[in-house]
Amino acid sequence: MPPVLYLIPNILSDNTFERVLPQHVLSVTGKIRHFFVEDVRTARRFLSKIQHPVPIDRLHFCELSEHTSEGDVASFLPYLQAEDSGMISEAGVPGVADPGAALVKLAHDNGIRVAPLAGPSSVLMALMASGLNGQSFAFNGYLPVKQNERIARIRALEHRSENEGQTQIFIETPYRNMKLLEDIVTTCKPETYLCIAANITADDEYIVTQAVRKWKNRLPELHKIPAVFLLQAPHASAKNQRR
């Protein structure tokens, strides 16, 4: 059988793998000896938690992070061609808001089958629970760090949502969550909807959608808490019909 690159979902919150990872994922992962990972320590911890049958020190890891060069990614090809391998993100599914897409492309370019395994995705789970448009949406990754650029980006996303009726999804480094939220509520129109989805799958999961005007002066404390943010402005055509 030709080798396969399996895309292995990681948990979003501690001590949840029994609830969020299908048995098939655990079974397939247990047969793999070579892994491409965003962080070796995190991956080793994950494989220990799911009780990988092979001692961790006998597994082989290649680190694939945002700092991995194109040349280094290309050097992984012999491992892909030698045997089945797996890719593990820091959290959630590989290849989404994740540097692993480069390895997946390498596999496709060289005729290696890619098999995505089912598991938790914070982006999709937030969209599912938001009540916002799930027929048309865009994931925009991280917004700019500089405040003036971040505000300009928020305005552009709101404008796009207003014109296209599209849900705009983005994330932030957890220690900058509160600055992002403050910019959203002071920049967006009062009738624009904002969904905050934090600690998805955890016992203290928090998912709330309401108009921006209702968020003002009532922001949840999200400092250092992983979260996904979704915006949807009233569609311009609908507003014109009401005039």
C-alpha atoms as a PDB file:
ATOM      1  CA  MET A   1       0.000   0.000   0.000  1.00  0.00           C
ATOM      2  CA  PRO A   2       1.337   3.486  -0.844  1.00  0.00           C
ATOM      3  CA  PRO A   3       2.045   5.747   2.144  1.00  0.00           C
ATOM      4  CA  VAL A   4      -0.592   8.126   3.495  1.00  0.00           C
ATOM      5  CA  LEU A   5      -0.273  11.471   5.273  1.00  0.00           C
ATOM      6  CA  TYR A   6      -2.919  11.514   8.015  1.00  0.00           C
ATOM      7  CA  LEU A   7      -4.085  14.882   9.343  1.00  0.00           C
ATOM      8  CA  ILE A   8      -4.635  14.236  13.041  1.00  0.00           C
ATOM      9  CA  PRO A   9      -6.865  16.599  15.058  1.00  0.00           C
ATOM     10  CA  ASN A  10      -5.634  17.758  18.437  1.00  0.00           C
ATOM     11  CA  ILE A  11      -7.819  18.656  21.416  1.00  0.00           C
ATOM     12  CA  LEU A  12      -8.815  22.286  22.024  1.00  0.00           C
ATOM     13  CA  SER A  13      -8.965  22.003  25.819  1.00  0.00           C
ATOM     14  CA  ASP A  14      -7.172  19.836  28.369  1.00  0.00           C
ATOM     15  CA  ASN A  15      -8.581  16.447  29.329  1.00  0.00           C
ATOM     16  CA  THR A  16     -11.210  16.328  26.574  1.00  0.00           C
ATOM     17  CA  PHE A  17      -9.819  13.775  24.118  1.00  0.00           C
ATOM     18  CA  GLU A  18     -12.266  11.055  25.206  1.00  0.00           C
ATOM     19  CA  ARG A  19     -15.179  13.379  24.357  1.00  0.00           C
ATOM     20  CA  VAL A  20     -13.953  14.993  21.144  1.00  0.00           C
ATOM     21  CA  LEU A  21     -11.749  12.449  19.350  1.00  0.00           C
ATOM     22  CA  PRO A  22     -13.411   9.473  17.623  1.00  0.00           C
ATOM     23  CA  GLN A  23     -11.979   6.044  18.334  1.00  0.00           C
ATOM     24  CA  HIS A  24     -10.929   5.816  14.692  1.00  0.00           C
ATOM     25  CA  VAL A  25      -8.536   8.742  15.210  1.00  0.00           C
ATOM     26  CA  LEU A  26      -6.942   7.039  18.200  1.00  0.00           C
ATOM     27  CA  SER A  27      -6.661   3.749  16.306  1.00  0.00           C
ATOM     28  CA  VAL A  28      -5.011   5.294  13.245  1.00  0.00           C
ATOM     29  CA  THR A  29      -2.669   7.470  15.312  1.00  0.00           C
ATOM     30  CA  GLY A  30      -1.530   4.438  17.283  1.00  0.00           C
ATOM     31  CA  LYS A  31      -0.188   2.829  14.101  1.00  0.00           C
ATOM     32  CA  ILE A  32       1.921   5.829  13.071  1.00  0.00           C
ATOM     33  CA  ARG A  33       5.568   6.187  14.047  1.00  0.00           C
ATOM     34  CA  HIS A  34       6.518   9.397  12.239  1.00  0.00           C
ATOM     35  CA  PHE A  35       4.891  12.744  12.967  1.00  0.00           C
ATOM     36  CA  PHE A  36       5.122  16.283  11.614  1.00  0.00           C
ATOM     37  CA  VAL A  37       4.271  18.622  14.468  1.00  0.00           C
ATOM     38  CA  GLU A  38       4.034  22.318  15.237  1.00  0.00           C
ATOM     39  CA  ASP A  39       5.711  21.847  18.610  1.00  0.00           C
ATOM     40  CA  VAL A  40       7.450  18.635  19.653  1.00  0.00           C
ATOM     41  CA  ARG A  41       6.747  18.996  23.381  1.00  0.00           C
ATOM     42  CA  THR A  42       3.028  19.579  22.805  1.00  0.00           C
ATOM     43  CA  ALA A  43       2.836  16.643  20.402  1.00  0.00           C
ATOM     44  CA  ARG A  44       4.621  14.293  22.793  1.00  0.00           C
ATOM     45  CA  ARG A  45       2.240  15.335  25.562  1.00  0.00           C
ATOM     46  CA  PHE A  46      -0.771  14.737  23.302  1.00  0.00           C
ATOM     47  CA  LEU A  47       0.431  11.285  22.236  1.00  0.00           C
ATOM     48  CA  SER A  48       1.065  10.368  25.872  1.00  0.00           C
ATOM     49  CA  LYS A  49      -2.468  11.417  26.821  1.00  0.00           C
ATOM     50  CA  ILE A  50      -4.041   9.257  24.140  1.00  0.00           C
ATOM     51  CA  GLN A  51      -1.783   6.389  25.229  1.00  0.00           C
ATOM     52  CA  HIS A  52       0.108   5.814  22.007  1.00  0.00           C
ATOM     53  CA  PRO A  53       1.200   2.143  22.196  1.00  0.00           C
ATOM     54  CA  VAL A  54       4.815   2.892  21.239  1.00  0.00           C
ATOM     55  CA  PRO A  55       7.108   4.557  23.823  1.00  0.00           C
ATOM     56  CA  ILE A  56       7.314   8.252  22.970  1.00  0.00           C
ATOM     57  CA  ASP A  57      11.114   8.172  22.759  1.00  0.00           C
ATOM     58  CA  ARG A  58      10.873   5.628  19.930  1.00  0.00           C
ATOM     59  CA  LEU A  59       8.676   7.888  17.779  1.00  0.00           C
ATOM     60  CA  HIS A  60      10.172  10.287  15.239  1.00  0.00           C
ATOM     61  CA  PHE A  61       9.205  13.962  15.021  1.00  0.00           C
ATOM     62  CA  CYS A  62       9.831  16.674  12.415  1.00  0.00           C
ATOM     63  CA  GLU A  63       8.986  20.184  13.565  1.00  0.00           C
ATOM     64  CA  LEU A  64       6.859  22.200  11.140  1.00  0.00           C
ATOM     65  CA  SER A  65       6.138  25.688  12.461  1.00  0.00           C
ATOM     66  CA  GLU A  66       5.677  29.162  11.027  1.00  0.00           C
ATOM     67  CA  HIS A  67       9.473  29.468  11.104  1.00  0.00           C
ATOM     68  CA  THR A  68      10.093  26.373   8.946  1.00  0.00           C
ATOM     69  CA  SER A  69      11.553  27.388   5.578  1.00  0.00           C
ATOM     70  CA  GLU A  70      10.342  26.105   2.209  1.00  0.00           C
ATOM     71  CA  GLY A  71      13.606  24.224   1.868  1.00  0.00           C
ATOM     72  CA  ASP A  72      13.101  22.464   5.178  1.00  0.00           C
ATOM     73  CA  VAL A  73       9.561  21.488   4.209  1.00  0.00           C
ATOM     74  CA  ALA A  74      10.865  20.055   0.922  1.00  0.00           C
ATOM     75  CA  SER A  75      13.408  18.006   2.886  1.00  0.00           C
ATOM     76  CA  PHE A  76      10.529  16.156   4.584  1.00  0.00           C
ATOM     77  CA  LEU A  77       9.552  14.408   1.330  1.00  0.00           C
ATOM     78  CA  PRO A  78      11.584  11.217   1.970  1.00  0.00           C
ATOM     79  CA  TYR A  79       9.710  10.716   5.246  1.00  0.00           C
ATOM     80  CA  LEU A  80       6.357  11.130   3.457  1.00  0.00           C
ATOM     81  CA  GLN A  81       7.393   8.590   0.831  1.00  0.00           C
ATOM     82  CA  ALA A  82       8.806   6.018   3.261  1.00  0.00           C
ATOM     83  CA  GLU A  83       5.750   5.144   5.354  1.00  0.00           C
ATOM     84  CA  ASP A  84       2.433   6.384   6.727  1.00  0.00           C
ATOM     85  CA  SER A  85       2.901   9.593   8.690  1.00  0.00           C
ATOM     86  CA  GLY A  86       0.766  11.983  10.695  1.00  0.00           C
ATOM     87  CA  MET A  87       0.582  15.738  11.127  1.00  0.00           C
ATOM     88  CA  ILE A  88      -0.490  17.236  14.462  1.00  0.00           C
ATOM     89  CA  SER A  89      -1.309  20.903  15.070  1.00  0.00           C
ATOM     90  CA  GLU A  90      -0.982  22.703  18.397  1.00  0.00           C
ATOM     91  CA  ALA A  91      -4.773  22.568  18.749  1.00  0.00           C
ATOM     92  CA  GLY A  92      -7.679  21.653  16.513  1.00  0.00           C
ATOM     93  CA  VAL A  93      -7.283  20.430  12.952  1.00  0.00           C
ATOM     94  CA  PRO A  94      -4.052  20.677  10.926  1.00  0.00           C
ATOM     95  CA  GLY A  95      -3.863  23.015   7.954  1.00  0.00           C
ATOM     96  CA  VAL A  96      -6.440  25.523   9.222  1.00  0.00           C
ATOM     97  CA  ALA A  97      -4.871  28.631  10.777  1.00  0.00           C
ATOM     98  CA  ASP A  98      -1.814  26.419  10.811  1.00  0.00           C
ATOM     99  CA  PRO A  99       1.521  26.183   8.939  1.00  0.00           C
ATOM    100  CA  GLY A 100       0.845  22.556   8.017  1.00  0.00           C
ATOM    101  CA  ALA A 101      -0.740  23.471   4.672  1.00  0.00           C
ATOM    102  CA  ALA A 102       2.753  23.590   3.126  1.00  0.00           C
ATOM    103  CA  LEU A 103       3.338  19.919   3.928  1.00  0.00           C
ATOM    104  CA  VAL A 104      -0.086  18.921   2.615  1.00  0.00           C
ATOM    105  CA  LYS A 105       0.700  20.679  -0.674  1.00  0.00           C
ATOM    106  CA  LEU A 106       4.030  18.848  -0.851  1.00  0.00           C
ATOM    107  CA  ALA A 107       2.195  15.562  -0.437  1.00  0.00           C
ATOM    108  CA  HIS A 108      -0.280  16.392  -3.210  1.00  0.00           C
ATOM    109  CA  ASP A 109       2.501  17.555  -5.532  1.00  0.00           C
ATOM    110  CA  ASN A 110       4.172  14.168  -5.132  1.00  0.00           C
ATOM    111  CA  GLY A 111       1.137  11.934  -5.450  1.00  0.00           C
ATOM    112  CA  ILE A 112       0.913  11.043  -1.759  1.00  0.00           C
ATOM    113  CA  ARG A 113      -2.606  10.486  -0.466  1.00  0.00           C
ATOM    114  CA  VAL A 114      -3.776  12.914   2.211  1.00  0.00           C
ATOM    115  CA  ALA A 115      -6.390  11.665   4.709  1.00  0.00           C
ATOM    116  CA  PRO A 116      -8.075  14.184   7.029  1.00  0.00           C
ATOM    117  CA  LEU A 117      -9.353  12.676  10.279  1.00  0.00           C
ATOM    118  CA  ALA A 118     -12.461  13.962  12.048  1.00  0.00           C
ATOM    119  CA  GLY A 119     -12.012  16.068  15.154  1.00  0.00           C
ATOM    120  CA  PRO A 120     -12.626  19.452  16.778  1.00  0.00           C
ATOM    121  CA  SER A 121     -12.158  22.655  14.771  1.00  0.00           C
ATOM    122  CA  SER A 122     -12.632  25.836  16.804  1.00  0.00           C
ATOM    123  CA  VAL A 123     -13.431  27.834  13.662  1.00  0.00           C
ATOM    124  CA  LEU A 124     -16.215  25.551  12.456  1.00  0.00           C
ATOM    125  CA  MET A 125     -17.591  24.860  15.929  1.00  0.00           C
ATOM    126  CA  ALA A 126     -17.793  28.589  16.630  1.00  0.00           C
ATOM    127  CA  LEU A 127     -19.612  29.146  13.333  1.00  0.00           C
ATOM    128  CA  MET A 128     -21.999  26.274  14.047  1.00  0.00           C
ATOM    129  CA  ALA A 129     -22.965  27.784  17.397  1.00  0.00           C
ATOM    130  CA  SER A 130     -23.015  31.451  16.373  1.00  0.00           C
ATOM    131  CA  GLY A 131     -26.374  31.679  14.630  1.00  0.00           C
ATOM    132  CA  LEU A 132     -24.684  33.761  11.933  1.00  0.00           C
ATOM    133  CA  ASN A 133     -24.523  33.010   8.210  1.00  0.00           C
ATOM    134  CA  GLY A 134     -23.108  29.521   7.720  1.00  0.00           C
ATOM    135  CA  GLN A 135     -23.791  29.534   3.966  1.00  0.00           C
ATOM    136  CA  SER A 136     -21.282  32.279   3.225  1.00  0.00           C
ATOM    137  CA  PHE A 137     -18.364  32.972   5.543  1.00  0.00           C
ATOM    138  CA  ALA A 138     -14.668  33.849   5.467  1.00  0.00           C
ATOM    139  CA  PHE A 139     -11.915  32.957   7.895  1.00  0.00           C
ATOM    140  CA  ASN A 140      -9.444  35.829   8.126  1.00  0.00           C
ATOM    141  CA  GLY A 141      -6.882  34.473  10.572  1.00  0.00           C
ATOM    142  CA  TYR A 142      -5.195  36.996  12.848  1.00  0.00           C
ATOM    143  CA  LEU A 143      -5.863  40.722  12.591  1.00  0.00           C
ATOM    144  CA  PRO A 144      -2.977  43.248  12.593  1.00  0.00           C
ATOM    145  CA  VAL A 145      -1.138  43.880  15.857  1.00  0.00           C
ATOM    146  CA  LYS A 146      -0.913  47.675  15.470  1.00  0.00           C
ATOM    147  CA  GLN A 147      -4.121  49.287  16.665  1.00  0.00           C
ATOM    148  CA  ASN A 148      -4.636  51.669  13.739  1.00  0.00           C
ATOM    149  CA  GLU A 149      -4.165  48.836  11.263  1.00  0.00           C
ATOM    150  CA  ARG A 150      -6.387  46.536  13.327  1.00  0.00           C
ATOM    151  CA  ILE A 151      -9.198  49.105  13.416  1.00  0.00           C
ATOM    152  CA  ALA A 152      -8.929  49.618   9.658  1.00  0.00           C
ATOM    153  CA  ARG A 153      -9.171  45.860   9.159  1.00  0.00           C
ATOM    154  CA  ILE A 154     -12.220  45.578  11.434  1.00  0.00           C
ATOM    155  CA  ARG A 155     -13.944  48.316   9.416  1.00  0.00           C
ATOM    156  CA  ALA A 156     -13.091  46.544   6.161  1.00  0.00           C
ATOM    157  CA  LEU A 157     -14.461  43.223   7.433  1.00  0.00           C
ATOM    158  CA  GLU A 158     -17.667  44.851   8.649  1.00  0.00           C
ATOM    159  CA  HIS A 159     -18.067  46.594   5.294  1.00  0.00           C
ATOM    160  CA  ARG A 160     -17.556  43.314   3.448  1.00  0.00           C
ATOM    161  CA  SER A 161     -20.103  41.573   5.654  1.00  0.00           C
ATOM    162  CA  GLU A 162     -22.575  44.382   5.063  1.00  0.00           C
ATOM    163  CA  ASN A 163     -22.171  44.239   1.274  1.00  0.00           C
ATOM    164  CA  GLU A 164     -22.039  40.458   0.871  1.00  0.00           C
ATOM    165  CA  GLY A 165     -24.075  39.196   3.840  1.00  0.00           C
ATOM    166  CA  GLN A 166     -21.024  37.153   4.766  1.00  0.00           C
ATOM    167  CA  THR A 167     -19.924  36.123   8.264  1.00  0.00           C
ATOM    168  CA  GLN A 168     -16.366  37.265   8.987  1.00  0.00           C
ATOM    169  CA  ILE A 169     -14.359  35.002  11.322  1.00  0.00           C
ATOM    170  CA  PHE A 170     -11.020  35.816  12.947  1.00  0.00           C
ATOM    171  CA  ILE A 171      -8.841  34.953  15.908  1.00  0.00           C
ATOM    172  CA  GLU A 172      -6.337  36.696  18.146  1.00  0.00           C
ATOM    173  CA  THR A 173      -3.372  35.823  20.320  1.00  0.00           C
ATOM    174  CA  PRO A 174      -5.114  35.220  23.685  1.00  0.00           C
ATOM    175  CA  TYR A 175      -3.222  37.912  25.593  1.00  0.00           C
ATOM    176  CA  ARG A 176      -4.484  40.537  23.092  1.00  0.00           C
ATOM    177  CA  ASN A 177      -8.143  39.452  23.219  1.00  0.00           C
ATOM    178  CA  MET A 178      -9.337  42.360  25.328  1.00  0.00           C
ATOM    179  CA  LYS A 179      -7.683  44.994  23.129  1.00  0.00           C
ATOM    180  CA  LEU A 180      -9.326  43.430  20.093  1.00  0.00           C
ATOM    181  CA  LEU A 181     -12.744  43.370  21.755  1.00  0.00           C
ATOM    182  CA  GLU A 182     -12.466  46.988  22.801  1.00  0.00           C
ATOM    183  CA  ASP A 183     -11.613  47.972  19.227  1.00  0.00           C
ATOM    184  CA  ILE A 184     -14.562  45.980  17.876  1.00  0.00           C
ATOM    185  CA  VAL A 185     -17.177  47.562  20.138  1.00  0.00           C
ATOM    186  CA  THR A 186     -15.855  51.089  19.564  1.00  0.00           C
ATOM    187  CA  THR A 187     -15.466  50.655  15.784  1.00  0.00           C
ATOM    188  CA  CYS A 188     -18.410  48.571  14.577  1.00  0.00           C
ATOM    189  CA  LYS A 189     -21.949  49.794  14.090  1.00  0.00           C
ATOM    190  CA  PRO A 190     -24.336  49.152  16.994  1.00  0.00           C
ATOM    191  CA  GLU A 191     -26.520  46.781  14.952  1.00  0.00           C
ATOM    192  CA  THR A 192     -23.646  44.570  13.761  1.00  0.00           C
ATOM    193  CA  TYR A 193     -23.683  41.162  15.415  1.00  0.00           C
ATOM    194  CA  LEU A 194     -20.630  39.844  17.250  1.00  0.00           C
ATOM    195  CA  CYS A 195     -20.222  36.270  18.427  1.00  0.00           C
ATOM    196  CA  ILE A 196     -17.571  35.466  21.019  1.00  0.00           C
ATOM    197  CA  ALA A 197     -16.722  31.766  21.269  1.00  0.00           C
ATOM    198  CA  ALA A 198     -14.161  30.993  23.978  1.00  0.00           C
ATOM    199  CA  ASN A 199     -12.759  27.810  25.532  1.00  0.00           C
ATOM    200  CA  ILE A 200     -14.626  25.684  23.014  1.00  0.00           C
ATOM    201  CA  THR A 201     -15.248  22.093  24.262  1.00  0.00           C
ATOM    202  CA  ALA A 202     -14.035  22.976  27.788  1.00  0.00           C
ATOM    203  CA  ASP A 203     -16.261  22.756  30.855  1.00  0.00           C
ATOM    204  CA  ASP A 204     -16.387  26.578  30.984  1.00  0.00           C
ATOM    205  CA  GLU A 205     -17.128  26.968  27.275  1.00  0.00           C
ATOM    206  CA  TYR A 206     -18.544  30.420  26.475  1.00  0.00           C
ATOM    207  CA  ILE A 207     -20.426  31.146  23.222  1.00  0.00           C
ATOM    208  CA  VAL A 208     -22.647  34.237  23.016  1.00  0.00           C
ATOM    209  CA  THR A 209     -23.944  36.186  19.993  1.00  0.00           C
ATOM    210  CA  GLN A 210     -25.515  39.614  20.284  1.00  0.00           C
ATOM    211  CA  ALA A 211     -25.470  43.078  18.707  1.00  0.00           C
ATOM    212  CA  VAL A 212     -22.402  45.208  19.335  1.00  0.00           C
ATOM    213  CA  ARG A 213     -24.466  47.740  21.277  1.00  0.00           C
ATOM    214  CA  LYS A 214     -25.230  45.043  23.864  1.00  0.00           C
ATOM    215  CA  TRP A 215     -21.559  44.137  24.258  1.00  0.00           C
ATOM    216  CA  LYS A 216     -20.527  47.653  25.240  1.00  0.00           C
ATOM    217  CA  ASN A 217     -19.584  47.863  28.920  1.00  0.00           C
ATOM    218  CA  ARG A 218     -20.312  44.104  29.285  1.00  0.00           C
ATOM    219  CA  LEU A 219     -17.301  42.417  27.757  1.00  0.00           C
ATOM    220  CA  PRO A 220     -16.358  39.018  29.184  1.00  0.00           C
ATOM    221  CA  GLU A 221     -12.878  38.596  30.628  1.00  0.00           C
ATOM    222  CA  LEU A 222     -10.918  36.758  27.933  1.00  0.00           C
ATOM    223  CA  HIS A 223      -7.321  37.562  28.808  1.00  0.00           C
ATOM    224  CA  LYS A 224      -5.162  34.557  27.843  1.00  0.00           C
ATOM    225  CA  ILE A 225      -8.272  32.507  26.933  1.00  0.00           C
ATOM    226  CA  PRO A 226      -8.417  30.962  23.415  1.00  0.00           C
ATOM    227  CA  ALA A 227     -11.300  32.473  21.497  1.00  0.00           C
ATOM    228  CA  VAL A 228     -12.831  32.853  18.042  1.00  0.00           C
ATOM    229  CA  PHE A 229     -14.645  36.025  16.957  1.00  0.00           C
ATOM    230  CA  LEU A 230     -17.386  36.279  14.321  1.00  0.00           C
ATOM    231  CA  LEU A 231     -18.928  39.417  12.827  1.00  0.00           C
ATOM    232  CA  GLN A 232     -22.023  39.814  10.705  1.00  0.00           C
ATOM    233  CA  ALA A 233     -23.407  43.202   9.725  1.00  0.00           C
ATOM    234  CA  PRO A 234     -26.986  43.647   8.482  1.00  0.00           C
ATOM    235  CA  HIS A 235     -26.920  43.018   4.734  1.00  0.00           C
ATOM    236  CA  ALA A 236     -26.985  46.229   2.685  1.00  0.00           C
ATOM    237  CA  SER A 237     -29.725  44.939   0.360  1.00  0.00           C
ATOM    238  CA  ALA A 238     -31.972  44.116   3.306  1.00  0.00           C
ATOM    239  CA  LYS A 239     -31.490  47.579   4.770  1.00  0.00           C
ATOM    240  CA  ASN A 240     -32.310  49.174   1.419  1.00  0.00           C
ATOM    241  CA  GLN A 241     -35.536  47.159   1.202  1.00  0.00           C
ATOM    242  CA  ARG A 242     -36.666  48.572   4.536  1.00  0.00           C
ATOM    243  CA  ARG A 243     -36.252  52.153   3.377  1.00  0.00           C
END
